[in-house]
Amino acid sequence: MNKITLLGLSVIFFYALIQILQFYGIGPEVYSMYMYFYIFIIISIFVLPNDYPKL
């Protein structure tokens, strides 16, 4: 998956998830640690190599 596509889908996913959780009355203190974990995973995908070097 292209990095710009992953970034765009991540932003849309997190925005939609936050809006749904706010609709049901769930505050950021409940889901913030989970969001930080997923943001860490996405940053790791951007920073770490994701393919093998060609010889």
PDB file of N, CA and C in Angstrom:
ATOM      1  N   MET A   1       0.849  -1.170   0.000  1.00  0.00           N
ATOM      2  CA  MET A   1       0.000   0.000   0.000  1.00  0.00           C
ATOM      3  C   MET A   1       0.898   1.237   0.000  1.00  0.00           C
ATOM      4  N   ASN A   2       0.523   2.209  -0.787  1.00  0.00           N
ATOM      5  CA  ASN A   2       1.271   3.450  -0.890  1.00  0.00           C
ATOM      6  C   ASN A   2       1.207   4.209   0.443  1.00  0.00           C
ATOM      7  N   LYS A   3       2.269   4.924   0.777  1.00  0.00           N
ATOM      8  CA  LYS A   3       2.325   5.615   2.069  1.00  0.00           C
ATOM      9  C   LYS A   3       1.285   6.721   2.171  1.00  0.00           C
ATOM     10  N   ILE A   4       1.052   7.448   1.085  1.00  0.00           N
ATOM     11  CA  ILE A   4       0.057   8.519   1.125  1.00  0.00           C
ATOM     12  C   ILE A   4      -1.348   7.946   1.274  1.00  0.00           C
ATOM     13  N   THR A   5      -1.588   6.777   0.686  1.00  0.00           N
ATOM     14  CA  THR A   5      -2.880   6.114   0.837  1.00  0.00           C
ATOM     15  C   THR A   5      -3.074   5.660   2.275  1.00  0.00           C
ATOM     16  N   LEU A   6      -2.043   5.089   2.861  1.00  0.00           N
ATOM     17  CA  LEU A   6      -2.122   4.646   4.252  1.00  0.00           C
ATOM     18  C   LEU A   6      -2.367   5.822   5.181  1.00  0.00           C
ATOM     19  N   LEU A   7      -1.699   6.927   4.929  1.00  0.00           N
ATOM     20  CA  LEU A   7      -1.894   8.117   5.757  1.00  0.00           C
ATOM     21  C   LEU A   7      -3.321   8.639   5.629  1.00  0.00           C
ATOM     22  N   GLY A   8      -3.831   8.726   4.411  1.00  0.00           N
ATOM     23  CA  GLY A   8      -5.192   9.219   4.200  1.00  0.00           C
ATOM     24  C   GLY A   8      -6.238   8.321   4.824  1.00  0.00           C
ATOM     25  N   LEU A   9      -6.096   7.015   4.640  1.00  0.00           N
ATOM     26  CA  LEU A   9      -7.053   6.087   5.241  1.00  0.00           C
ATOM     27  C   LEU A   9      -6.982   6.109   6.762  1.00  0.00           C
ATOM     28  N   SER A  10      -5.790   6.293   7.305  1.00  0.00           N
ATOM     29  CA  SER A  10      -5.641   6.359   8.757  1.00  0.00           C
ATOM     30  C   SER A  10      -6.337   7.589   9.325  1.00  0.00           C
ATOM     31  N   VAL A  11      -6.164   8.716   8.661  1.00  0.00           N
ATOM     32  CA  VAL A  11      -6.808   9.947   9.133  1.00  0.00           C
ATOM     33  C   VAL A  11      -8.327   9.803   9.085  1.00  0.00           C
ATOM     34  N   ILE A  12      -8.848   9.276   7.991  1.00  0.00           N
ATOM     35  CA  ILE A  12     -10.297   9.087   7.869  1.00  0.00           C
ATOM     36  C   ILE A  12     -10.801   8.097   8.908  1.00  0.00           C
ATOM     37  N   PHE A  13     -10.069   6.987   9.108  1.00  0.00           N
ATOM     38  CA  PHE A  13     -10.477   5.978  10.081  1.00  0.00           C
ATOM     39  C   PHE A  13     -10.504   6.549  11.495  1.00  0.00           C
ATOM     40  N   PHE A  14      -9.436   7.262  11.892  1.00  0.00           N
ATOM     41  CA  PHE A  14      -9.386   7.816  13.244  1.00  0.00           C
ATOM     42  C   PHE A  14     -10.452   8.886  13.448  1.00  0.00           C
ATOM     43  N   TYR A  15     -10.694   9.713  12.446  1.00  0.00           N
ATOM     44  CA  TYR A  15     -11.732  10.733  12.565  1.00  0.00           C
ATOM     45  C   TYR A  15     -13.106  10.089  12.738  1.00  0.00           C
ATOM     46  N   ALA A  16     -13.402   9.087  11.918  1.00  0.00           N
ATOM     47  CA  ALA A  16     -14.698   8.412  12.016  1.00  0.00           C
ATOM     48  C   ALA A  16     -14.841   7.698  13.353  1.00  0.00           C
ATOM     49  N   LEU A  17     -13.784   7.055  13.800  1.00  0.00           N
ATOM     50  CA  LEU A  17     -13.842   6.335  15.074  1.00  0.00           C
ATOM     51  C   LEU A  17     -14.065   7.288  16.243  1.00  0.00           C
ATOM     52  N   ILE A  18     -13.384   8.427  16.235  1.00  0.00           N
ATOM     53  CA  ILE A  18     -13.563   9.410  17.304  1.00  0.00           C
ATOM     54  C   ILE A  18     -14.987   9.953  17.296  1.00  0.00           C
ATOM     55  N   GLN A  19     -15.533  10.223  16.112  1.00  0.00           N
ATOM     56  CA  GLN A  19     -16.899  10.733  16.034  1.00  0.00           C
ATOM     57  C   GLN A  19     -17.914   9.706  16.537  1.00  0.00           C
ATOM     58  N   ILE A  20     -17.714   8.447  16.205  1.00  0.00           N
ATOM     59  CA  ILE A  20     -18.623   7.391  16.672  1.00  0.00           C
ATOM     60  C   ILE A  20     -18.538   7.253  18.189  1.00  0.00           C
ATOM     61  N   LEU A  21     -17.326   7.270  18.723  1.00  0.00           N
ATOM     62  CA  LEU A  21     -17.172   7.137  20.172  1.00  0.00           C
ATOM     63  C   LEU A  21     -17.761   8.337  20.904  1.00  0.00           C
ATOM     64  N   GLN A  22     -17.608   9.535  20.363  1.00  0.00           N
ATOM     65  CA  GLN A  22     -18.213  10.714  20.978  1.00  0.00           C
ATOM     66  C   GLN A  22     -19.733  10.638  20.926  1.00  0.00           C
ATOM     67  N   PHE A  23     -20.289  10.087  19.858  1.00  0.00           N
ATOM     68  CA  PHE A  23     -21.736   9.945  19.738  1.00  0.00           C
ATOM     69  C   PHE A  23     -22.285   9.052  20.848  1.00  0.00           C
ATOM     70  N   TYR A  24     -21.555   8.004  21.178  1.00  0.00           N
ATOM     71  CA  TYR A  24     -21.996   7.095  22.229  1.00  0.00           C
ATOM     72  C   TYR A  24     -21.583   7.555  23.624  1.00  0.00           C
ATOM     73  N   GLY A  25     -20.962   8.713  23.731  1.00  0.00           N
ATOM     74  CA  GLY A  25     -20.625   9.286  25.025  1.00  0.00           C
ATOM     75  C   GLY A  25     -19.361   8.730  25.654  1.00  0.00           C
ATOM     76  N   ILE A  26     -18.496   8.163  24.864  1.00  0.00           N
ATOM     77  CA  ILE A  26     -17.237   7.622  25.374  1.00  0.00           C
ATOM     78  C   ILE A  26     -16.177   8.707  25.237  1.00  0.00           C
ATOM     79  N   GLY A  27     -15.556   9.059  26.342  1.00  0.00           N
ATOM     80  CA  GLY A  27     -14.595  10.149  26.351  1.00  0.00           C
ATOM     81  C   GLY A  27     -13.202   9.729  25.926  1.00  0.00           C
ATOM     82  N   PRO A  28     -12.368  10.722  25.634  1.00  0.00           N
ATOM     83  CA  PRO A  28     -10.990  10.433  25.197  1.00  0.00           C
ATOM     84  C   PRO A  28     -10.148   9.728  26.259  1.00  0.00           C
ATOM     85  N   GLU A  29     -10.499   9.882  27.525  1.00  0.00           N
ATOM     86  CA  GLU A  29      -9.714   9.219  28.567  1.00  0.00           C
ATOM     87  C   GLU A  29      -9.839   7.699  28.493  1.00  0.00           C
ATOM     88  N   VAL A  30     -10.871   7.209  27.832  1.00  0.00           N
ATOM     89  CA  VAL A  30     -11.079   5.763  27.707  1.00  0.00           C
ATOM     90  C   VAL A  30     -10.270   5.198  26.542  1.00  0.00           C
ATOM     91  N   TYR A  31     -10.279   5.862  25.392  1.00  0.00           N
ATOM     92  CA  TYR A  31      -9.697   5.279  24.184  1.00  0.00           C
ATOM     93  C   TYR A  31      -8.366   5.899  23.769  1.00  0.00           C
ATOM     94  N   SER A  32      -7.847   6.844  24.519  1.00  0.00           N
ATOM     95  CA  SER A  32      -6.633   7.541  24.078  1.00  0.00           C
ATOM     96  C   SER A  32      -5.409   6.626  24.028  1.00  0.00           C
ATOM     97  N   MET A  33      -5.262   5.709  24.962  1.00  0.00           N
ATOM     98  CA  MET A  33      -4.101   4.813  24.938  1.00  0.00           C
ATOM     99  C   MET A  33      -4.141   3.895  23.720  1.00  0.00           C
ATOM    100  N   TYR A  34      -5.325   3.440  23.335  1.00  0.00           N
ATOM    101  CA  TYR A  34      -5.449   2.607  22.140  1.00  0.00           C
ATOM    102  C   TYR A  34      -5.095   3.402  20.882  1.00  0.00           C
ATOM    103  N   MET A  35      -5.524   4.651  20.834  1.00  0.00           N
ATOM    104  CA  MET A  35      -5.208   5.498  19.687  1.00  0.00           C
ATOM    105  C   MET A  35      -3.707   5.746  19.592  1.00  0.00           C
ATOM    106  N   TYR A  36      -3.071   6.000  20.733  1.00  0.00           N
ATOM    107  CA  TYR A  36      -1.622   6.204  20.717  1.00  0.00           C
ATOM    108  C   TYR A  36      -0.899   4.962  20.201  1.00  0.00           C
ATOM    109  N   PHE A  37      -1.382   3.779  20.581  1.00  0.00           N
ATOM    110  CA  PHE A  37      -0.766   2.539  20.125  1.00  0.00           C
ATOM    111  C   PHE A  37      -0.888   2.397  18.608  1.00  0.00           C
ATOM    112  N   TYR A  38      -2.073   2.650  18.067  1.00  0.00           N
ATOM    113  CA  TYR A  38      -2.258   2.534  16.621  1.00  0.00           C
ATOM    114  C   TYR A  38      -1.480   3.604  15.861  1.00  0.00           C
ATOM    115  N   ILE A  39      -1.378   4.795  16.408  1.00  0.00           N
ATOM    116  CA  ILE A  39      -0.567   5.838  15.785  1.00  0.00           C
ATOM    117  C   ILE A  39       0.904   5.427  15.789  1.00  0.00           C
ATOM    118  N   PHE A  40       1.354   4.797  16.883  1.00  0.00           N
ATOM    119  CA  PHE A  40       2.726   4.287  16.941  1.00  0.00           C
ATOM    120  C   PHE A  40       2.967   3.238  15.857  1.00  0.00           C
ATOM    121  N   ILE A  41       2.004   2.352  15.636  1.00  0.00           N
ATOM    122  CA  ILE A  41       2.145   1.330  14.597  1.00  0.00           C
ATOM    123  C   ILE A  41       2.237   1.977  13.216  1.00  0.00           C
ATOM    124  N   ILE A  42       1.411   2.975  12.948  1.00  0.00           N
ATOM    125  CA  ILE A  42       1.428   3.637  11.640  1.00  0.00           C
ATOM    126  C   ILE A  42       2.746   4.381  11.428  1.00  0.00           C
ATOM    127  N   ILE A  43       3.238   5.049  12.469  1.00  0.00           N
ATOM    128  CA  ILE A  43       4.531   5.727  12.350  1.00  0.00           C
ATOM    129  C   ILE A  43       5.641   4.714  12.107  1.00  0.00           C
ATOM    130  N   SER A  44       5.560   3.554  12.760  1.00  0.00           N
ATOM    131  CA  SER A  44       6.558   2.501  12.542  1.00  0.00           C
ATOM    132  C   SER A  44       6.534   2.004  11.105  1.00  0.00           C
ATOM    133  N   ILE A  45       5.357   1.897  10.517  1.00  0.00           N
ATOM    134  CA  ILE A  45       5.256   1.472   9.117  1.00  0.00           C
ATOM    135  C   ILE A  45       5.937   2.488   8.205  1.00  0.00           C
ATOM    136  N   PHE A  46       5.790   3.780   8.508  1.00  0.00           N
ATOM    137  CA  PHE A  46       6.424   4.810   7.687  1.00  0.00           C
ATOM    138  C   PHE A  46       7.938   4.820   7.845  1.00  0.00           C
ATOM    139  N   VAL A  47       8.432   4.592   9.055  1.00  0.00           N
ATOM    140  CA  VAL A  47       9.854   4.747   9.335  1.00  0.00           C
ATOM    141  C   VAL A  47      10.650   3.494   8.985  1.00  0.00           C
ATOM    142  N   LEU A  48      10.142   2.332   9.352  1.00  0.00           N
ATOM    143  CA  LEU A  48      10.889   1.096   9.142  1.00  0.00           C
ATOM    144  C   LEU A  48      10.757   0.624   7.700  1.00  0.00           C
ATOM    145  N   PRO A  49      11.781  -0.047   7.185  1.00  0.00           N
ATOM    146  CA  PRO A  49      11.681  -0.567   5.809  1.00  0.00           C
ATOM    147  C   PRO A  49      10.644  -1.684   5.737  1.00  0.00           C
ATOM    148  N   ASN A  50       9.911  -1.722   4.651  1.00  0.00           N
ATOM    149  CA  ASN A  50       8.862  -2.731   4.529  1.00  0.00           C
ATOM    150  C   ASN A  50       9.052  -3.633   3.313  1.00  0.00           C
ATOM    151  N   ASP A  51      10.253  -3.659   2.774  1.00  0.00           N
ATOM    152  CA  ASP A  51      10.544  -4.593   1.692  1.00  0.00           C
ATOM    153  C   ASP A  51      12.004  -5.029   1.796  1.00  0.00           C
ATOM    154  N   TYR A  52      12.313  -6.099   1.130  1.00  0.00           N
ATOM    155  CA  TYR A  52      13.674  -6.621   1.148  1.00  0.00           C
ATOM    156  C   TYR A  52      14.490  -5.939   0.055  1.00  0.00           C
ATOM    157  N   PRO A  53      15.759  -5.643   0.345  1.00  0.00           N
ATOM    158  CA  PRO A  53      16.592  -5.024  -0.704  1.00  0.00           C
ATOM    159  C   PRO A  53      16.851  -6.017  -1.838  1.00  0.00           C
ATOM    160  N   LYS A  54      16.901  -5.512  -3.016  1.00  0.00           N
ATOM    161  CA  LYS A  54      17.148  -6.352  -4.188  1.00  0.00           C
ATOM    162  C   LYS A  54      18.650  -6.514  -4.378  1.00  0.00           C
ATOM    163  N   LEU A  55      19.079  -7.732  -4.618  1.00  0.00           N
ATOM    164  CA  LEU A  55      20.507  -8.005  -4.798  1.00  0.00           C
ATOM    165  C   LEU A  55      20.887  -8.033  -6.245  1.00  0.00           C
TER     166      LEU A  55
END
